[in-house]
């Protein structure tokens, strides 16, 4: 019956892989997209973009595929301190 109810229904699931929002008021469509708990939200039939991260929320998992963020799934961050040439205090 309302946008609020539609968002509540869309978010009332244990999954959150993708969502789709269609409408003529672009700003309203964007506002609904921000409220949806899904890893990817497609607005007005937008074409797929393999550079955009793809992955879910909730039980759909938090990992990401595609795009730069996908590489983070395979990397471990390491800090190396004192690597540069440095004179010891005399």
PDB file of N, CA and C in Angstrom:
ATOM      1  N   UNK A   1       0.803  -1.207   0.000  1.00  0.00           N
ATOM      2  CA  UNK A   1       0.000   0.000   0.000  1.00  0.00           C
ATOM      3  C   UNK A   1       0.847   1.272   0.000  1.00  0.00           C
ATOM      4  N   UNK A   2       2.116   1.156   0.455  1.00  0.00           N
ATOM      5  CA  UNK A   2       2.967   2.343   0.529  1.00  0.00           C
ATOM      6  C   UNK A   2       4.421   1.953   0.259  1.00  0.00           C
ATOM      7  N   UNK A   3       5.235   2.962   0.037  1.00  0.00           N
ATOM      8  CA  UNK A   3       6.668   2.723  -0.166  1.00  0.00           C
ATOM      9  C   UNK A   3       7.282   2.143   1.100  1.00  0.00           C
ATOM     10  N   UNK A   4       6.900   2.676   2.249  1.00  0.00           N
ATOM     11  CA  UNK A   4       7.426   2.146   3.513  1.00  0.00           C
ATOM     12  C   UNK A   4       7.107   0.668   3.664  1.00  0.00           C
ATOM     13  N   UNK A   5       5.881   0.287   3.334  1.00  0.00           N
ATOM     14  CA  UNK A   5       5.502  -1.124   3.430  1.00  0.00           C
ATOM     15  C   UNK A   5       6.298  -1.967   2.434  1.00  0.00           C
ATOM     16  N   UNK A   6       6.514  -1.468   1.244  1.00  0.00           N
ATOM     17  CA  UNK A   6       7.297  -2.206   0.243  1.00  0.00           C
ATOM     18  C   UNK A   6       8.731  -2.418   0.718  1.00  0.00           C
ATOM     19  N   UNK A   7       9.327  -1.393   1.315  1.00  0.00           N
ATOM     20  CA  UNK A   7      10.692  -1.528   1.844  1.00  0.00           C
ATOM     21  C   UNK A   7      10.706  -2.528   2.993  1.00  0.00           C
ATOM     22  N   UNK A   8       9.729  -2.464   3.877  1.00  0.00           N
ATOM     23  CA  UNK A   8       9.655  -3.416   4.988  1.00  0.00           C
ATOM     24  C   UNK A   8       9.543  -4.855   4.474  1.00  0.00           C
ATOM     25  N   UNK A   9       8.707  -5.076   3.474  1.00  0.00           N
ATOM     26  CA  UNK A   9       8.555  -6.417   2.892  1.00  0.00           C
ATOM     27  C   UNK A   9       9.862  -6.858   2.246  1.00  0.00           C
ATOM     28  N   UNK A  10      10.496  -5.947   1.510  1.00  0.00           N
ATOM     29  CA  UNK A  10      11.764  -6.278   0.850  1.00  0.00           C
ATOM     30  C   UNK A  10      12.866  -6.621   1.828  1.00  0.00           C
ATOM     31  N   UNK A  11      12.880  -5.980   2.974  1.00  0.00           N
ATOM     32  CA  UNK A  11      13.913  -6.219   3.983  1.00  0.00           C
ATOM     33  C   UNK A  11      13.566  -7.350   4.943  1.00  0.00           C
ATOM     34  N   UNK A  12      12.318  -7.816   4.920  1.00  0.00           N
ATOM     35  CA  UNK A  12      11.866  -8.857   5.845  1.00  0.00           C
ATOM     36  C   UNK A  12      12.193 -10.241   5.289  1.00  0.00           C
ATOM     37  N   UNK A  13      13.468 -10.484   5.124  1.00  0.00           N
ATOM     38  CA  UNK A  13      13.955 -11.772   4.651  1.00  0.00           C
ATOM     39  C   UNK A  13      15.318 -12.001   5.264  1.00  0.00           C
ATOM     40  N   UNK A  14      15.701 -13.248   5.394  1.00  0.00           N
ATOM     41  CA  UNK A  14      17.029 -13.532   5.936  1.00  0.00           C
ATOM     42  C   UNK A  14      18.109 -13.411   4.863  1.00  0.00           C
ATOM     43  N   UNK A  15      17.707 -13.122   3.636  1.00  0.00           N
ATOM     44  CA  UNK A  15      18.650 -12.986   2.529  1.00  0.00           C
ATOM     45  C   UNK A  15      18.724 -11.535   2.072  1.00  0.00           C
ATOM     46  N   UNK A  16      19.725 -11.227   1.281  1.00  0.00           N
ATOM     47  CA  UNK A  16      19.868  -9.861   0.781  1.00  0.00           C
ATOM     48  C   UNK A  16      20.879  -9.790  -0.339  1.00  0.00           C
ATOM     49  N   UNK A  17      20.697 -10.613  -1.368  1.00  0.00           N
ATOM     50  CA  UNK A  17      21.650 -10.618  -2.466  1.00  0.00           C
ATOM     51  C   UNK A  17      21.423  -9.441  -3.409  1.00  0.00           C
ATOM     52  N   UNK A  18      20.208  -9.292  -3.917  1.00  0.00           N
ATOM     53  CA  UNK A  18      19.930  -8.231  -4.885  1.00  0.00           C
ATOM     54  C   UNK A  18      18.516  -7.715  -4.709  1.00  0.00           C
ATOM     55  N   UNK A  19      18.302  -6.489  -5.148  1.00  0.00           N
ATOM     56  CA  UNK A  19      16.981  -5.867  -5.115  1.00  0.00           C
ATOM     57  C   UNK A  19      16.820  -5.049  -6.391  1.00  0.00           C
ATOM     58  N   UNK A  20      15.584  -4.787  -6.729  1.00  0.00           N
ATOM     59  CA  UNK A  20      15.273  -4.048  -7.951  1.00  0.00           C
ATOM     60  C   UNK A  20      14.235  -2.987  -7.628  1.00  0.00           C
ATOM     61  N   UNK A  21      14.495  -1.759  -8.071  1.00  0.00           N
ATOM     62  CA  UNK A  21      13.580  -0.656  -7.815  1.00  0.00           C
ATOM     63  C   UNK A  21      13.297   0.034  -9.138  1.00  0.00           C
ATOM     64  N   UNK A  22      12.011   0.260  -9.407  1.00  0.00           N
ATOM     65  CA  UNK A  22      11.608   0.947 -10.630  1.00  0.00           C
ATOM     66  C   UNK A  22      10.685   2.097 -10.280  1.00  0.00           C
ATOM     67  N   UNK A  23      10.802   3.186 -11.019  1.00  0.00           N
ATOM     68  CA  UNK A  23       9.930   4.328 -10.802  1.00  0.00           C
ATOM     69  C   UNK A  23      10.307   5.480 -11.706  1.00  0.00           C
ATOM     70  N   UNK A  24       9.436   6.460 -11.791  1.00  0.00           N
ATOM     71  CA  UNK A  24       9.680   7.609 -12.663  1.00  0.00           C
ATOM     72  C   UNK A  24      10.372   8.758 -11.938  1.00  0.00           C
ATOM     73  N   UNK A  25      10.264   8.801 -10.623  1.00  0.00           N
ATOM     74  CA  UNK A  25      10.909   9.848  -9.826  1.00  0.00           C
ATOM     75  C   UNK A  25      12.287   9.331  -9.402  1.00  0.00           C
ATOM     76  N   UNK A  26      13.320   9.774 -10.104  1.00  0.00           N
ATOM     77  CA  UNK A  26      14.669   9.247  -9.885  1.00  0.00           C
ATOM     78  C   UNK A  26      15.145   9.425  -8.449  1.00  0.00           C
ATOM     79  N   UNK A  27      14.859  10.544  -7.835  1.00  0.00           N
ATOM     80  CA  UNK A  27      15.289  10.767  -6.454  1.00  0.00           C
ATOM     81  C   UNK A  27      14.574   9.815  -5.502  1.00  0.00           C
ATOM     82  N   UNK A  28      13.287   9.577  -5.715  1.00  0.00           N
ATOM     83  CA  UNK A  28      12.543   8.636  -4.875  1.00  0.00           C
ATOM     84  C   UNK A  28      13.089   7.218  -5.050  1.00  0.00           C
ATOM     85  N   UNK A  29      13.427   6.840  -6.272  1.00  0.00           N
ATOM     86  CA  UNK A  29      14.007   5.521  -6.544  1.00  0.00           C
ATOM     87  C   UNK A  29      15.323   5.376  -5.780  1.00  0.00           C
ATOM     88  N   UNK A  30      16.152   6.402  -5.806  1.00  0.00           N
ATOM     89  CA  UNK A  30      17.432   6.364  -5.086  1.00  0.00           C
ATOM     90  C   UNK A  30      17.229   6.258  -3.578  1.00  0.00           C
ATOM     91  N   UNK A  31      16.238   6.969  -3.056  1.00  0.00           N
ATOM     92  CA  UNK A  31      15.965   6.910  -1.618  1.00  0.00           C
ATOM     93  C   UNK A  31      15.526   5.512  -1.196  1.00  0.00           C
ATOM     94  N   UNK A  32      14.698   4.871  -2.008  1.00  0.00           N
ATOM     95  CA  UNK A  32      14.277   3.499  -1.702  1.00  0.00           C
ATOM     96  C   UNK A  32      15.484   2.570  -1.749  1.00  0.00           C
ATOM     97  N   UNK A  33      16.355   2.731  -2.747  1.00  0.00           N
ATOM     98  CA  UNK A  33      17.540   1.881  -2.871  1.00  0.00           C
ATOM     99  C   UNK A  33      18.417   1.979  -1.632  1.00  0.00           C
ATOM    100  N   UNK A  34      18.576   3.170  -1.083  1.00  0.00           N
ATOM    101  CA  UNK A  34      19.393   3.349   0.120  1.00  0.00           C
ATOM    102  C   UNK A  34      18.815   2.600   1.318  1.00  0.00           C
ATOM    103  N   UNK A  35      17.526   2.423   1.347  1.00  0.00           N
ATOM    104  CA  UNK A  35      16.871   1.782   2.490  1.00  0.00           C
ATOM    105  C   UNK A  35      16.854   0.258   2.395  1.00  0.00           C
ATOM    106  N   UNK A  36      17.111  -0.292   1.237  1.00  0.00           N
ATOM    107  CA  UNK A  36      17.049  -1.742   1.056  1.00  0.00           C
ATOM    108  C   UNK A  36      18.334  -2.408   1.519  1.00  0.00           C
ATOM    109  N   UNK A  37      18.205  -3.498   2.262  1.00  0.00           N
ATOM    110  CA  UNK A  37      19.353  -4.246   2.776  1.00  0.00           C
ATOM    111  C   UNK A  37      19.699  -5.347   1.786  1.00  0.00           C
ATOM    112  N   UNK A  38      20.367  -4.954   0.712  1.00  0.00           N
ATOM    113  CA  UNK A  38      20.787  -5.897  -0.323  1.00  0.00           C
ATOM    114  C   UNK A  38      22.169  -5.493  -0.816  1.00  0.00           C
ATOM    115  N   UNK A  39      22.930  -6.478  -1.241  1.00  0.00           N
ATOM    116  CA  UNK A  39      24.290  -6.213  -1.690  1.00  0.00           C
ATOM    117  C   UNK A  39      24.361  -5.450  -2.997  1.00  0.00           C
ATOM    118  N   UNK A  40      23.336  -5.567  -3.817  1.00  0.00           N
ATOM    119  CA  UNK A  40      23.297  -4.826  -5.074  1.00  0.00           C
ATOM    120  C   UNK A  40      21.845  -4.444  -5.349  1.00  0.00           C
ATOM    121  N   UNK A  41      21.635  -3.183  -5.720  1.00  0.00           N
ATOM    122  CA  UNK A  41      20.288  -2.709  -6.039  1.00  0.00           C
ATOM    123  C   UNK A  41      20.310  -2.180  -7.469  1.00  0.00           C
ATOM    124  N   UNK A  42      19.431  -2.723  -8.295  1.00  0.00           N
ATOM    125  CA  UNK A  42      19.338  -2.351  -9.704  1.00  0.00           C
ATOM    126  C   UNK A  42      18.205  -1.341  -9.849  1.00  0.00           C
ATOM    127  N   UNK A  43      18.519  -0.155 -10.369  1.00  0.00           N
ATOM    128  CA  UNK A  43      17.528   0.905 -10.542  1.00  0.00           C
ATOM    129  C   UNK A  43      17.051   0.977 -11.978  1.00  0.00           C
ATOM    130  N   UNK A  44      15.764   0.915 -12.163  1.00  0.00           N
ATOM    131  CA  UNK A  44      15.125   1.087 -13.469  1.00  0.00           C
ATOM    132  C   UNK A  44      15.772   0.258 -14.573  1.00  0.00           C
ATOM    133  N   UNK A  45      16.072  -0.987 -14.275  1.00  0.00           N
ATOM    134  CA  UNK A  45      16.588  -1.907 -15.287  1.00  0.00           C
ATOM    135  C   UNK A  45      17.995  -1.594 -15.767  1.00  0.00           C
ATOM    136  N   UNK A  46      18.800  -0.988 -14.916  1.00  0.00           N
ATOM    137  CA  UNK A  46      20.184  -0.653 -15.290  1.00  0.00           C
ATOM    138  C   UNK A  46      20.916  -1.916 -15.751  1.00  0.00           C
ATOM    139  N   UNK A  47      21.777  -1.746 -16.713  1.00  0.00           N
ATOM    140  CA  UNK A  47      22.550  -2.865 -17.258  1.00  0.00           C
ATOM    141  C   UNK A  47      23.562  -3.360 -16.233  1.00  0.00           C
ATOM    142  N   UNK A  48      23.895  -4.648 -16.257  1.00  0.00           N
ATOM    143  CA  UNK A  48      24.928  -5.161 -15.349  1.00  0.00           C
ATOM    144  C   UNK A  48      26.264  -4.465 -15.579  1.00  0.00           C
ATOM    145  N   UNK A  49      27.050  -4.352 -14.525  1.00  0.00           N
ATOM    146  CA  UNK A  49      28.371  -3.738 -14.607  1.00  0.00           C
ATOM    147  C   UNK A  49      29.349  -4.647 -13.869  1.00  0.00           C
ATOM    148  N   UNK A  50      30.216  -5.317 -14.607  1.00  0.00           N
ATOM    149  CA  UNK A  50      31.146  -6.263 -14.000  1.00  0.00           C
ATOM    150  C   UNK A  50      32.217  -5.593 -13.154  1.00  0.00           C
ATOM    151  N   UNK A  51      32.300  -4.280 -13.176  1.00  0.00           N
ATOM    152  CA  UNK A  51      33.234  -3.574 -12.302  1.00  0.00           C
ATOM    153  C   UNK A  51      32.586  -3.200 -10.966  1.00  0.00           C
ATOM    154  N   UNK A  52      31.276  -3.348 -10.873  1.00  0.00           N
ATOM    155  CA  UNK A  52      30.581  -3.075  -9.614  1.00  0.00           C
ATOM    156  C   UNK A  52      30.675  -4.308  -8.728  1.00  0.00           C
ATOM    157  N   UNK A  53      30.946  -4.137  -7.437  1.00  0.00           N
ATOM    158  CA  UNK A  53      31.022  -5.305  -6.557  1.00  0.00           C
ATOM    159  C   UNK A  53      29.678  -6.015  -6.481  1.00  0.00           C
ATOM    160  N   UNK A  54      29.735  -7.347  -6.440  1.00  0.00           N
ATOM    161  CA  UNK A  54      28.523  -8.150  -6.351  1.00  0.00           C
ATOM    162  C   UNK A  54      28.637  -9.091  -5.171  1.00  0.00           C
ATOM    163  N   UNK A  55      27.679  -9.061  -4.301  1.00  0.00           N
ATOM    164  CA  UNK A  55      27.646  -9.922  -3.131  1.00  0.00           C
ATOM    165  C   UNK A  55      26.469  -9.533  -2.274  1.00  0.00           C
ATOM    166  N   UNK A  56      26.235 -10.290  -1.218  1.00  0.00           N
ATOM    167  CA  UNK A  56      25.014 -10.097  -0.467  1.00  0.00           C
ATOM    168  C   UNK A  56      25.179  -9.518   0.913  1.00  0.00           C
ATOM    169  N   UNK A  57      24.045  -9.361   1.570  1.00  0.00           N
ATOM    170  CA  UNK A  57      23.943  -9.013   2.972  1.00  0.00           C
ATOM    171  C   UNK A  57      23.291 -10.202   3.676  1.00  0.00           C
ATOM    172  N   UNK A  58      23.347 -10.191   4.966  1.00  0.00           N
ATOM    173  CA  UNK A  58      22.685 -11.196   5.809  1.00  0.00           C
ATOM    174  C   UNK A  58      23.106 -12.605   5.399  1.00  0.00           C
ATOM    175  N   UNK A  59      22.163 -13.535   5.246  1.00  0.00           N
ATOM    176  CA  UNK A  59      22.475 -14.934   4.934  1.00  0.00           C
ATOM    177  C   UNK A  59      22.960 -15.123   3.494  1.00  0.00           C
ATOM    178  N   UNK A  60      22.919 -14.090   2.698  1.00  0.00           N
ATOM    179  CA  UNK A  60      23.460 -14.188   1.343  1.00  0.00           C
ATOM    180  C   UNK A  60      24.975 -14.049   1.339  1.00  0.00           C
ATOM    181  N   UNK A  61      25.564 -13.794   2.499  1.00  0.00           N
ATOM    182  CA  UNK A  61      27.013 -13.708   2.609  1.00  0.00           C
ATOM    183  C   UNK A  61      27.512 -12.290   2.440  1.00  0.00           C
ATOM    184  N   UNK A  62      28.695 -12.062   2.979  1.00  0.00           N
ATOM    185  CA  UNK A  62      29.273 -10.728   2.916  1.00  0.00           C
ATOM    186  C   UNK A  62      30.412 -10.624   1.922  1.00  0.00           C
ATOM    187  N   UNK A  63      30.803 -11.701   1.282  1.00  0.00           N
ATOM    188  CA  UNK A  63      31.876 -11.658   0.306  1.00  0.00           C
ATOM    189  C   UNK A  63      31.473 -10.864  -0.924  1.00  0.00           C
ATOM    190  N   UNK A  64      32.455 -10.456  -1.684  1.00  0.00           N
ATOM    191  CA  UNK A  64      32.189  -9.697  -2.904  1.00  0.00           C
ATOM    192  C   UNK A  64      32.937 -10.310  -4.073  1.00  0.00           C
ATOM    193  N   UNK A  65      32.299 -10.300  -5.213  1.00  0.00           N
ATOM    194  CA  UNK A  65      32.913 -10.710  -6.463  1.00  0.00           C
ATOM    195  C   UNK A  65      32.888  -9.500  -7.388  1.00  0.00           C
ATOM    196  N   UNK A  66      33.715  -9.540  -8.412  1.00  0.00           N
ATOM    197  CA  UNK A  66      33.763  -8.504  -9.446  1.00  0.00           C
ATOM    198  C   UNK A  66      34.344  -7.215  -8.885  1.00  0.00           C
ATOM    199  N   UNK A  67      34.918  -6.430  -9.741  1.00  0.00           N
ATOM    200  CA  UNK A  67      35.435  -5.119  -9.357  1.00  0.00           C
ATOM    201  C   UNK A  67      36.618  -5.192  -8.409  1.00  0.00           C
ATOM    202  N   UNK A  68      37.112  -4.042  -8.032  1.00  0.00           N
ATOM    203  CA  UNK A  68      38.279  -3.945  -7.158  1.00  0.00           C
ATOM    204  C   UNK A  68      38.069  -4.599  -5.800  1.00  0.00           C
ATOM    205  N   UNK A  69      36.860  -4.507  -5.248  1.00  0.00           N
ATOM    206  CA  UNK A  69      36.614  -5.071  -3.926  1.00  0.00           C
ATOM    207  C   UNK A  69      36.780  -6.587  -3.909  1.00  0.00           C
ATOM    208  N   UNK A  70      36.611  -7.250  -5.044  1.00  0.00           N
ATOM    209  CA  UNK A  70      36.755  -8.705  -5.086  1.00  0.00           C
ATOM    210  C   UNK A  70      38.175  -9.128  -4.731  1.00  0.00           C
ATOM    211  N   UNK A  71      39.157  -8.338  -5.082  1.00  0.00           N
ATOM    212  CA  UNK A  71      40.544  -8.690  -4.785  1.00  0.00           C
ATOM    213  C   UNK A  71      40.800  -8.752  -3.279  1.00  0.00           C
ATOM    214  N   UNK A  72      40.090  -7.980  -2.505  1.00  0.00           N
ATOM    215  CA  UNK A  72      40.283  -7.967  -1.058  1.00  0.00           C
ATOM    216  C   UNK A  72      39.941  -9.312  -0.422  1.00  0.00           C
ATOM    217  N   UNK A  73      39.111 -10.109  -1.099  1.00  0.00           N
ATOM    218  CA  UNK A  73      38.768 -11.433  -0.587  1.00  0.00           C
ATOM    219  C   UNK A  73      39.982 -12.362  -0.602  1.00  0.00           C
ATOM    220  N   UNK A  74      40.978 -12.045  -1.406  1.00  0.00           N
ATOM    221  CA  UNK A  74      42.134 -12.923  -1.581  1.00  0.00           C
ATOM    222  C   UNK A  74      43.418 -12.349  -0.993  1.00  0.00           C
ATOM    223  N   UNK A  75      43.319 -11.203  -0.344  1.00  0.00           N
ATOM    224  CA  UNK A  75      44.503 -10.540   0.183  1.00  0.00           C
ATOM    225  C   UNK A  75      44.504 -10.535   1.707  1.00  0.00           C
ATOM    226  N   UNK A  76      45.694 -10.524   2.255  1.00  0.00           N
ATOM    227  CA  UNK A  76      45.860 -10.313   3.685  1.00  0.00           C
ATOM    228  C   UNK A  76      46.730  -9.080   3.850  1.00  0.00           C
ATOM    229  N   UNK A  77      46.334  -8.200   4.738  1.00  0.00           N
ATOM    230  CA  UNK A  77      47.063  -6.958   4.946  1.00  0.00           C
ATOM    231  C   UNK A  77      48.159  -7.196   5.981  1.00  0.00           C
ATOM    232  N   UNK A  78      49.357  -6.695   5.664  1.00  0.00           N
ATOM    233  CA  UNK A  78      50.469  -6.809   6.601  1.00  0.00           C
ATOM    234  C   UNK A  78      51.132  -5.447   6.725  1.00  0.00           C
ATOM    235  N   UNK A  79      51.434  -5.042   7.947  1.00  0.00           N
ATOM    236  CA  UNK A  79      52.172  -3.806   8.189  1.00  0.00           C
ATOM    237  C   UNK A  79      53.624  -4.171   8.454  1.00  0.00           C
ATOM    238  N   UNK A  80      54.548  -3.486   7.771  1.00  0.00           N
ATOM    239  CA  UNK A  80      55.980  -3.675   7.999  1.00  0.00           C
ATOM    240  C   UNK A  80      56.528  -2.343   8.474  1.00  0.00           C
ATOM    241  N   UNK A  81      57.001  -2.306   9.700  1.00  0.00           N
ATOM    242  CA  UNK A  81      57.468  -1.065  10.303  1.00  0.00           C
ATOM    243  C   UNK A  81      58.982  -1.016  10.296  1.00  0.00           C
ATOM    244  N   UNK A  82      59.558   0.164  10.079  1.00  0.00           N
ATOM    245  CA  UNK A  82      61.008   0.323  10.080  1.00  0.00           C
ATOM    246  C   UNK A  82      61.675  -0.199   8.827  1.00  0.00           C
ATOM    247  N   UNK A  83      60.963  -0.297   7.738  1.00  0.00           N
ATOM    248  CA  UNK A  83      61.480  -0.847   6.483  1.00  0.00           C
ATOM    249  C   UNK A  83      62.484   0.078   5.813  1.00  0.00           C
ATOM    250  N   UNK A  84      62.230   1.368   5.878  1.00  0.00           N
ATOM    251  CA  UNK A  84      63.117   2.332   5.212  1.00  0.00           C
ATOM    252  C   UNK A  84      64.446   2.477   5.905  1.00  0.00           C
ATOM    253  N   UNK A  85      65.464   2.924   5.140  1.00  0.00           N
ATOM    254  CA  UNK A  85      66.782   3.160   5.720  1.00  0.00           C
ATOM    255  C   UNK A  85      66.665   4.263   6.762  1.00  0.00           C
ATOM    256  N   UNK A  86      67.130   3.991   7.940  1.00  0.00           N
ATOM    257  CA  UNK A  86      66.990   4.968   9.021  1.00  0.00           C
ATOM    258  C   UNK A  86      68.274   4.915   9.864  1.00  0.00           C
ATOM    259  N   UNK A  87      68.831   6.060  10.186  1.00  0.00           N
ATOM    260  CA  UNK A  87      70.027   6.124  11.012  1.00  0.00           C
ATOM    261  C   UNK A  87      69.681   5.882  12.461  1.00  0.00           C
ATOM    262  N   UNK A  88      70.488   5.062  13.125  1.00  0.00           N
ATOM    263  CA  UNK A  88      70.281   4.835  14.556  1.00  0.00           C
ATOM    264  C   UNK A  88      70.706   6.081  15.313  1.00  0.00           C
ATOM    265  N   UNK A  89      70.015   6.392  16.379  1.00  0.00           N
ATOM    266  CA  UNK A  89      70.369   7.537  17.202  1.00  0.00           C
ATOM    267  C   UNK A  89      71.712   7.261  17.879  1.00  0.00           C
ATOM    268  N   UNK A  90      72.603   8.247  17.818  1.00  0.00           N
ATOM    269  CA  UNK A  90      73.942   8.070  18.429  1.00  0.00           C
ATOM    270  C   UNK A  90      74.055   8.808  19.708  1.00  0.00           C
TER     271      UNK A  90
END
